[in-house]
Protein backbone atom coordinates (compact mmCIF):
# COMPACT_ATOMS: atom_id res chain seq x y z
CA MET A 1 11.95 -50.56 120.60
CA VAL A 2 13.00 -48.73 117.47
CA LYS A 3 16.58 -49.14 116.65
CA LYS A 4 18.43 -45.86 116.31
CA PRO A 5 20.22 -45.36 112.99
CA THR A 6 23.92 -45.55 113.07
CA TYR A 7 26.13 -42.62 112.19
CA GLU A 8 26.90 -44.18 108.82
CA GLU A 9 23.17 -44.59 108.08
CA LEU A 10 22.45 -40.95 109.00
CA ALA A 11 25.32 -39.76 106.84
CA LEU A 12 23.97 -41.82 103.93
CA ARG A 13 20.45 -40.36 104.35
CA ILE A 14 21.79 -36.82 104.48
CA LYS A 15 23.82 -37.48 101.35
CA GLN A 16 20.75 -38.86 99.57
CA GLN A 17 18.66 -35.85 100.63
CA ASP A 18 21.37 -33.48 99.41
CA GLU A 19 21.48 -35.27 96.08
CA GLU A 20 17.68 -35.12 95.81
CA LEU A 21 17.75 -31.40 96.67
CA ALA A 22 20.45 -30.77 94.09
CA GLU A 23 18.49 -32.70 91.49
CA ARG A 24 15.34 -30.76 92.36
CA LYS A 25 17.22 -27.46 92.00
CA ARG A 26 18.67 -28.63 88.72
CA LEU A 27 15.21 -29.58 87.45
CA GLU A 28 13.74 -26.31 88.74
CA LYS A 29 16.49 -24.39 86.96
CA LYS A 30 15.84 -26.33 83.76
CA TRP A 31 12.11 -25.80 84.18
CA VAL A 32 12.67 -22.05 84.55
CA GLN A 33 14.80 -22.08 81.39
CA VAL A 34 12.08 -23.95 79.55
CA ILE A 35 9.17 -21.72 80.60
CA ASN A 36 11.22 -18.60 79.88
CA SER A 37 12.11 -19.82 76.38
CA VAL A 38 8.59 -20.67 75.22
CA ASP A 39 6.26 -18.17 73.54
CA GLU A 40 3.38 -18.84 75.92
CA TRP A 41 2.81 -16.63 78.93
CA TYR A 42 3.08 -18.44 82.27
CA ALA A 43 2.20 -17.30 85.79
CA LEU A 44 1.80 -19.19 89.11
CA LEU A 45 -0.56 -17.77 91.76
CA ASN A 46 -1.01 -18.60 95.42
CA SER A 47 -4.38 -19.04 97.13
CA ASP A 48 -4.71 -15.24 97.44
CA LEU A 49 -4.13 -14.97 93.69
CA ASN A 50 -0.84 -13.17 94.17
CA ILE A 51 1.96 -13.88 91.72
CA ILE A 52 4.56 -16.29 93.05
CA ASP A 53 6.17 -17.05 89.71
CA ILE A 54 6.05 -15.55 86.19
CA ASN A 55 8.00 -16.33 83.03
CA THR A 56 9.92 -13.82 80.96
CA PRO A 57 7.47 -13.48 77.97
CA CYS A 58 4.59 -12.68 80.33
CA ARG A 59 6.65 -10.28 82.46
CA LYS A 60 7.90 -8.37 79.37
CA ILE A 61 4.32 -7.74 78.24
CA PHE A 62 2.83 -6.58 81.56
CA TYR A 63 5.90 -5.46 83.57
CA PRO A 64 8.59 -4.65 80.99
CA LYS A 65 10.53 -2.33 83.35
CA LEU A 66 10.54 -4.63 86.40
CA ASP A 67 12.75 -7.57 87.29
CA LYS A 68 11.13 -10.85 88.18
CA LYS A 69 11.79 -10.38 91.92
CA ASP A 70 9.90 -7.06 91.80
CA VAL A 71 6.86 -8.72 90.17
CA ILE A 72 6.62 -11.59 92.69
CA GLY A 73 3.94 -10.80 95.27
CA LYS A 74 1.88 -8.46 93.07
CA LYS A 75 -1.82 -9.13 92.68
CA PHE A 76 -2.75 -10.99 89.52
CA SER A 77 -5.56 -8.46 88.93
CA ASP A 78 -2.91 -5.73 88.53
CA LEU A 79 -1.61 -7.32 85.31
CA ALA A 80 -4.22 -5.61 83.13
CA ALA A 81 -7.57 -3.90 83.58
CA ASP A 82 -9.23 -6.43 81.29
CA ILE A 83 -8.16 -9.31 83.53
CA LYS A 84 -10.23 -7.94 86.44
CA LEU A 85 -13.33 -8.86 84.44
CA ARG A 86 -12.21 -12.54 84.49
CA TYR A 87 -10.92 -12.44 88.08
CA GLN A 88 -13.99 -14.18 89.48
CA LYS A 89 -13.76 -16.98 86.92
CA ILE A 90 -10.18 -17.64 88.00
CA LYS A 91 -11.18 -17.58 91.71
CA ASP A 92 -13.85 -20.17 90.89
CA VAL A 93 -11.09 -22.54 89.74
CA LEU A 94 -9.79 -22.60 93.36
CA LYS A 95 -13.27 -23.41 94.70
CA THR A 96 -14.40 -25.97 92.14
CA GLY A 97 -11.10 -27.35 90.92
CA LYS A 98 -12.49 -27.19 87.37
CA PRO A 99 -10.14 -25.69 84.73
CA TYR A 100 -11.12 -22.43 83.04
CA ALA A 101 -10.27 -21.78 79.37
CA GLU A 102 -11.35 -19.25 76.76
CA GLU A 103 -10.06 -16.91 74.07
CA ASP A 104 -9.92 -13.34 75.24
CA ILE A 105 -8.57 -9.88 74.50
CA VAL A 106 -6.42 -8.15 77.11
CA THR A 107 -4.76 -4.75 77.06
CA SER A 108 -1.22 -4.14 78.27
CA PRO A 109 -1.39 -0.97 80.39
CA ARG A 110 2.33 -0.44 80.03
CA ILE A 111 2.89 -0.86 76.24
CA SER A 112 0.88 1.87 74.55
CA LYS A 113 -2.42 0.24 75.55
CA GLN A 114 -1.68 -2.54 73.08
CA LYS A 115 -4.39 -5.17 72.76
CA TYR A 116 -3.57 -8.88 72.69
CA HIS A 117 -5.72 -11.79 71.55
CA ILE A 118 -4.90 -14.67 73.92
CA ASN A 119 -5.96 -18.25 74.53
CA ILE A 120 -5.95 -18.45 78.35
CA LYS A 121 -6.19 -21.52 80.56
CA ALA A 122 -6.24 -21.66 84.37
CA VAL A 123 -5.84 -24.93 86.36
CA LYS A 124 -5.63 -25.65 90.07
CA ILE A 125 -2.15 -26.67 91.24
CA GLY A 126 -2.08 -27.60 94.94
CA ASN A 127 -3.45 -24.62 96.84
CA GLY A 128 -2.73 -22.23 93.98
CA ILE A 129 -3.45 -21.62 90.31
CA GLY A 130 -1.32 -22.13 87.23
CA ILE A 131 -2.12 -19.89 84.29
CA VAL A 132 -0.91 -20.45 80.71
CA ALA A 133 -1.80 -18.01 77.94
CA LYS A 134 -0.83 -18.07 74.26
CA ASP A 135 -0.62 -14.88 72.20
CA VAL A 136 -2.66 -15.45 69.03
CA THR A 137 -2.83 -11.76 68.02
CA GLU A 138 -0.85 -12.18 64.81
CA GLN A 139 -2.89 -15.24 63.85
CA ARG A 140 -6.16 -13.34 64.35
CA ILE A 141 -4.85 -10.38 62.32
CA VAL A 142 -3.93 -12.73 59.48
CA GLU A 143 -7.31 -14.46 59.70
CA THR A 144 -9.09 -11.11 59.60
CA ALA A 145 -7.03 -10.01 56.59
CA LEU A 146 -7.75 -13.31 54.84
CA ARG A 147 -11.45 -12.98 55.57
CA GLU A 148 -11.49 -9.44 54.21
CA SER A 149 -9.44 -10.58 51.23
CA GLU A 150 -11.88 -13.45 50.63
CA GLU A 151 -14.79 -11.00 50.79
CA GLN A 152 -13.06 -8.66 48.33
CA TYR A 153 -12.20 -11.61 46.07
CA ARG A 154 -15.81 -12.80 46.12
CA LEU A 155 -17.02 -9.25 45.43
CA VAL A 156 -14.70 -8.96 42.40
CA PHE A 157 -15.37 -12.56 41.34
CA ASP A 158 -19.14 -12.11 41.30
CA ASN A 159 -19.11 -8.55 39.95
CA ALA A 160 -16.45 -8.81 37.26
CA GLY A 161 -18.56 -6.96 34.72
CA PRO A 162 -21.58 -7.91 32.64
CA ILE A 163 -19.51 -9.72 30.01
CA THR A 164 -16.85 -11.44 32.15
CA ALA A 165 -17.46 -15.03 33.17
CA ILE A 166 -14.76 -16.43 35.48
CA THR A 167 -14.49 -20.18 35.96
CA TYR A 168 -11.96 -22.20 37.96
CA PHE A 169 -11.52 -25.84 36.83
CA ASP A 170 -9.51 -28.62 38.50
CA THR A 171 -7.14 -30.86 36.51
CA ASP A 172 -10.08 -33.15 35.63
CA LEU A 173 -11.78 -30.11 34.07
CA LYS A 174 -14.52 -30.06 36.69
CA ILE A 175 -15.76 -26.66 37.87
CA ILE A 176 -14.47 -25.80 41.34
CA LYS A 177 -15.88 -22.27 41.37
CA ALA A 178 -17.73 -20.05 38.92
CA ASN A 179 -19.02 -16.52 39.25
CA ASN A 180 -22.60 -15.39 38.67
CA ASN A 181 -21.76 -14.13 35.18
CA LEU A 182 -21.17 -17.67 33.96
CA LEU A 183 -24.65 -18.63 35.15
CA TYR A 184 -26.00 -15.62 33.25
CA GLU A 185 -24.12 -16.58 30.07
CA VAL A 186 -25.08 -20.26 30.27
CA GLY A 187 -28.70 -19.29 30.85
CA ASP A 188 -29.71 -22.65 32.33
CA ASP A 189 -31.74 -23.22 35.49
CA PHE A 190 -28.82 -24.13 37.74
CA GLU A 191 -28.34 -22.83 41.26
CA ASN A 192 -24.61 -23.20 40.69
CA LEU A 193 -22.25 -24.96 38.31
CA GLU A 194 -19.72 -26.30 40.82
CA GLY A 195 -18.82 -29.93 40.12
CA MET A 196 -19.95 -29.83 36.48
CA ASP A 197 -17.36 -31.05 33.98
CA MET A 198 -16.38 -28.96 30.97
CA GLY A 199 -17.89 -31.45 28.51
CA MET A 200 -21.29 -31.06 30.16
CA LEU A 201 -20.92 -27.27 30.13
CA PHE A 202 -20.48 -27.37 26.33
CA ARG A 203 -22.97 -30.20 25.73
CA ARG A 204 -24.84 -28.22 23.04
CA LEU A 205 -21.76 -27.95 20.82
CA PRO A 206 -21.05 -30.40 18.00
CA LYS A 207 -18.96 -33.33 19.24
CA GLU A 208 -15.92 -32.34 17.16
CA GLN A 209 -15.86 -28.78 18.50
CA ARG A 210 -16.50 -29.93 22.08
CA GLU A 211 -13.61 -32.41 21.94
CA MET A 212 -11.34 -29.74 20.45
CA ILE A 213 -12.09 -27.38 23.38
CA LEU A 214 -11.48 -30.16 25.92
CA GLU A 215 -8.18 -31.18 24.31
CA ARG A 216 -6.73 -27.66 24.17
CA ASN A 217 -7.50 -27.14 27.89
CA LYS A 218 -5.90 -30.49 28.74
CA LYS A 219 -2.82 -29.29 26.84
CA ILE A 220 -2.68 -26.13 29.01
CA ILE A 221 -2.77 -28.35 32.11
CA ARG A 222 -0.01 -30.62 30.71
CA GLU A 223 2.31 -27.85 29.53
CA GLY A 224 1.49 -25.19 32.12
CA LYS A 225 1.21 -22.42 29.52
CA GLY A 226 -1.76 -20.09 29.10
CA ALA A 227 -3.51 -19.28 25.82
CA VAL A 228 -6.25 -17.12 24.32
CA PHE A 229 -9.11 -18.23 22.06
CA GLU A 230 -12.13 -16.97 20.13
CA ASP A 231 -15.06 -19.37 19.86
CA LEU A 232 -18.64 -19.40 18.66
CA VAL A 233 -20.42 -21.52 21.27
CA GLU A 234 -24.04 -22.34 21.99
CA PHE A 235 -25.72 -22.13 25.37
CA ASN A 236 -29.40 -22.07 26.33
CA LYS A 237 -29.84 -18.51 25.08
CA GLY A 238 -28.35 -19.22 21.67
CA LYS A 239 -25.02 -18.95 19.85
CA GLN A 240 -22.61 -16.39 21.21
CA TRP A 241 -19.03 -15.36 20.43
CA TYR A 242 -16.52 -15.45 23.30
CA TYR A 243 -12.95 -14.25 23.70
CA SER A 244 -11.38 -16.36 26.46
CA VAL A 245 -8.10 -16.09 28.36
CA THR A 246 -7.06 -19.37 29.99
CA GLU A 247 -4.24 -19.52 32.53
CA PRO A 248 -2.87 -22.46 34.55
CA VAL A 249 -3.12 -22.33 38.36
CA LYS A 250 0.01 -23.63 40.12
CA ASP A 251 0.84 -24.51 43.71
CA SER A 252 3.92 -23.31 45.60
CA ASN A 253 6.00 -26.05 43.95
CA GLY A 254 5.01 -25.01 40.43
CA LYS A 255 2.68 -27.98 39.91
CA VAL A 256 -0.46 -27.25 37.85
CA ILE A 257 -3.52 -27.79 40.05
CA GLY A 258 -6.14 -26.36 37.72
CA ILE A 259 -6.97 -23.63 35.20
CA VAL A 260 -8.88 -20.37 35.42
CA VAL A 261 -10.82 -19.11 32.40
CA PHE A 262 -11.82 -15.48 31.86
CA ALA A 263 -14.47 -15.37 29.11
CA TYR A 264 -15.69 -12.16 27.48
CA ASN A 265 -18.86 -12.09 25.41
CA ILE A 266 -17.83 -10.38 22.14
CA THR A 267 -20.99 -11.16 20.14
CA ASP A 268 -21.86 -7.49 19.65
CA ARG A 269 -18.30 -6.73 18.55
CA LYS A 270 -18.39 -9.62 16.06
CA LYS A 271 -21.66 -8.33 14.63
CA MET A 272 -20.12 -4.89 14.17
CA GLU A 273 -17.06 -6.45 12.53
CA GLU A 274 -19.30 -8.36 10.09
CA GLU A 275 -21.21 -5.19 9.26
CA LEU A 276 -17.92 -3.38 8.75
CA LYS A 277 -16.68 -6.13 6.43
CA LYS A 278 -19.85 -5.86 4.35
CA LYS A 279 -19.49 -2.10 4.15
CA ASN A 280 -15.81 -2.47 3.18
CA ILE A 281 -16.73 -4.90 0.40
CA GLU A 282 -19.41 -2.53 -0.83
CA LEU A 283 -16.94 0.35 -0.64
CA GLU A 284 -14.30 -1.61 -2.54
CA GLU A 285 -16.84 -2.44 -5.23
CA SER A 286 -17.81 1.24 -5.41
CA ASN A 287 -14.15 2.22 -5.63
CA ILE A 288 -13.58 -0.23 -8.47
CA ALA A 289 -16.59 1.16 -10.35
CA LEU A 290 -15.38 4.70 -9.71
CA LYS A 291 -11.89 3.85 -10.97
CA VAL A 292 -13.40 2.41 -14.14
CA LEU A 293 -15.46 5.55 -14.65
CA LEU A 294 -12.47 7.81 -14.00
CA LYS A 295 -10.34 5.83 -16.40
CA LYS A 296 -13.07 6.03 -19.05
CA ARG A 297 -13.41 9.76 -18.43
CA ASP A 298 -9.63 10.23 -18.88
CA GLU A 299 -9.70 8.19 -22.06
CA ASP A 300 -12.60 10.27 -23.36
CA ARG A 301 -10.81 13.45 -22.41
CA HIS A 302 -7.61 12.41 -24.22
CA GLU A 303 -9.62 11.36 -27.22
CA GLN A 304 -11.44 14.70 -27.31
CA GLU A 305 -8.16 16.58 -26.93
CA GLU A 306 -6.69 14.62 -29.81
CA LYS A 307 -9.67 15.49 -31.97
CA VAL A 308 -9.41 19.18 -31.11
CA LEU A 309 -5.67 19.10 -31.74
CA ASN A 310 -6.03 17.34 -35.07
CA ASN A 311 -8.80 19.68 -36.18
CA ILE A 312 -6.74 22.73 -35.30
CA LYS A 313 -3.68 21.27 -37.03
CA SER A 314 -5.60 20.53 -40.18
CA LEU A 315 -8.08 23.41 -40.27
CA ILE A 316 -6.36 26.37 -38.59
CA VAL A 317 -2.58 25.98 -38.47
CA PRO A 318 -2.13 25.86 -42.30
CA TYR A 319 -3.92 29.20 -42.65
CA LEU A 320 -1.90 30.74 -39.87
CA GLU A 321 1.29 29.65 -41.63
CA LYS A 322 0.10 31.23 -44.90
CA MET A 323 -0.71 34.47 -43.11
CA LYS A 324 2.73 34.53 -41.48
CA SER A 325 4.44 34.09 -44.86
CA GLY A 326 2.56 37.04 -46.35
CA LYS A 327 3.15 40.74 -45.90
CA LEU A 328 1.65 41.89 -42.60
CA SER A 329 1.69 45.16 -40.79
CA LYS A 330 3.21 45.25 -37.30
CA ARG A 331 -0.25 45.41 -35.79
CA GLN A 332 -1.37 42.37 -37.79
CA GLU A 333 1.78 40.47 -36.80
CA SER A 334 1.05 41.28 -33.16
CA HIS A 335 -2.54 40.05 -33.43
CA LEU A 336 -1.40 36.91 -35.22
CA GLU A 337 1.14 36.17 -32.48
CA ILE A 338 -1.56 36.55 -29.83
CA ILE A 339 -3.87 34.19 -31.72
CA GLU A 340 -1.08 31.67 -32.14
CA ASN A 341 -0.16 31.73 -28.43
CA ASN A 342 -3.76 31.35 -27.32
CA ILE A 343 -4.31 28.42 -29.69
CA ASN A 344 -1.15 26.73 -28.35
CA GLU A 345 -2.44 26.99 -24.79
CA VAL A 346 -5.84 25.58 -25.74
CA VAL A 347 -4.53 22.65 -27.77
CA SER A 348 -1.75 21.55 -25.44
CA PRO A 349 -3.28 18.26 -24.05
CA PHE A 350 -0.98 18.21 -21.06
CA ILE A 351 -0.69 21.90 -20.23
CA HIS A 352 -2.46 21.32 -16.87
CA ASP A 353 -0.21 18.37 -16.00
CA ILE A 354 3.04 20.11 -16.78
CA SER A 355 2.86 23.89 -16.71
CA SER A 356 0.62 24.29 -13.68
CA GLY A 357 2.68 22.44 -11.19
CA PHE A 358 5.45 19.99 -11.76
CA TYR A 359 7.94 20.85 -14.47
CA ASN A 360 7.32 24.60 -14.74
CA LEU A 361 7.76 24.74 -18.53
CA SER A 362 7.48 28.10 -20.22
CA PRO A 363 4.73 28.68 -22.86
CA THR A 364 7.32 28.37 -25.66
CA GLU A 365 8.63 25.09 -24.15
CA ILE A 366 5.08 23.75 -23.89
CA GLN A 367 4.49 24.65 -27.57
CA ILE A 368 7.70 22.92 -28.63
CA SER A 369 6.88 19.86 -26.45
CA ASN A 370 3.50 19.64 -28.13
CA LEU A 371 5.07 19.68 -31.61
CA ILE A 372 7.68 17.07 -30.52
CA MET A 373 4.85 14.73 -29.40
CA GLN A 374 3.24 15.18 -32.81
CA GLY A 375 6.41 13.66 -34.30
CA LEU A 376 7.84 16.84 -35.85
CA SER A 377 11.61 17.14 -36.31
CA THR A 378 13.74 20.00 -35.04
CA LYS A 379 13.81 21.57 -38.52
CA GLU A 380 10.05 21.26 -38.94
CA ILE A 381 9.47 22.86 -35.54
CA ALA A 382 11.93 25.66 -36.40
CA ASP A 383 10.09 26.37 -39.67
CA ILE A 384 6.69 26.44 -37.96
CA MET A 385 7.88 28.73 -35.15
CA SER A 386 10.13 30.85 -37.44
CA LEU A 387 13.11 30.11 -35.18
CA SER A 388 16.56 28.72 -35.95
CA ASP A 389 17.36 25.04 -35.58
CA LYS A 390 19.90 25.96 -32.91
CA THR A 391 17.25 27.77 -30.84
CA ILE A 392 14.94 24.74 -31.02
CA GLU A 393 17.79 22.45 -29.92
CA SER A 394 18.47 24.76 -26.99
CA HIS A 395 14.78 24.57 -25.98
CA ARG A 396 14.87 20.78 -26.26
CA LYS A 397 17.81 20.61 -23.83
CA ARG A 398 16.01 22.83 -21.30
CA ILE A 399 12.90 20.65 -21.59
CA ARG A 400 14.96 17.48 -20.97
CA LYS A 401 16.54 19.12 -17.93
CA LYS A 402 13.21 20.20 -16.45
CA ILE A 403 11.61 16.76 -16.85
CA GLY A 404 14.70 15.03 -15.43
CA ILE A 405 16.15 13.17 -18.39
CA ILE A 406 19.17 15.35 -19.18
CA ASN A 407 22.21 13.26 -20.18
CA LYS A 408 20.05 10.13 -20.30
CA LYS A 409 19.49 7.88 -23.28
CA VAL A 410 15.74 8.41 -23.24
CA ASN A 411 13.66 9.39 -26.26
CA LEU A 412 12.18 12.83 -25.54
CA ARG A 413 8.96 12.26 -27.52
CA THR A 414 8.32 8.88 -25.84
CA HIS A 415 8.89 10.37 -22.40
CA LEU A 416 6.61 13.36 -23.06
CA LEU A 417 3.85 11.02 -24.29
CA SER A 418 4.21 8.89 -21.13
CA ILE A 419 3.79 12.01 -19.00
CA GLN A 420 0.74 13.06 -20.97
CA ASN A 421 -0.89 9.63 -20.65
CA GLY A 422 -0.21 9.54 -16.88
């Protein structure tokens, strides 16, 4: 016969059950807090696949205007039209007990038909189903953008122009990546250059030049500062000139993890520069020869002018002076004055330099300047021109003023000769 529990034993059992119930409620409350705080979507379905529990993230996506109590009891297939297509797979979980998991795209019918990429998993829990889904939409968008960016990068990398070779080296100066243009420039029968060290790339160069190139790139890695270079290097297709821009590649902490080299083939430009240098040298030589010829021509011209001047002074001027001292009619005096003026214009060796542009000397001032350069004194000039000494002195002052030496201790004859001789 089973012994009946005493009152104290029953009271103890009831107390224990109450404590267990309180603990269960506390755990359930904590569990609800946990599932509502996570990013994953959570829903619990009964055997008819009706919702008996749903967490806040999932409810806000599919039933943003309903409270949780209003969602409980709704059919799981009402969540989204897309889910109906997977409804049978979820029902199969009840029959087979095997979990169902896949990545899918669902559309929220209540948030502007927004599409969500989700990782969904359904497992049998008792007589019902537990469903957990993670929103990976942002991750997929980023992956798509990265893939497109990678495609664009590769497109630019491999099509950087017919003269641009781009090469990415690690800190050991081994090629990590190189575009097709480098293969074209190298001209060797390689499918790719990845893994090749820089020394091997420049194996056709003299040892001294090769070591110099290696050392300067090691320096860029050590110091983290870019540089530009011009080099004559030799590959399979011969010697070529390259202009290269080398920049360090750094990680998020600023540590150098490699270098990238942009190399431009400037052989054609160098050839043009060499041709231009040759032409410049030839032109300079021609200019020097021309200057010598011009100088000789000026010397010949001055010499000829001096001869004409001396001949006129010795063969013509004395007779003109004799004629002026004789008795002449007014008409003869007029003709003589015209002859004298014309001769002065012809014999003035610097009439073009002075009267036609810079100092604007009058014909009389040019005549006096000419006589001054011949070494004649004021009195001698006055006698020749039948003018007073005072008039000649006045002309001398005006000449000094016009050529810019008024009130300066500069010999007028010396200055006029310097102007004449250029």
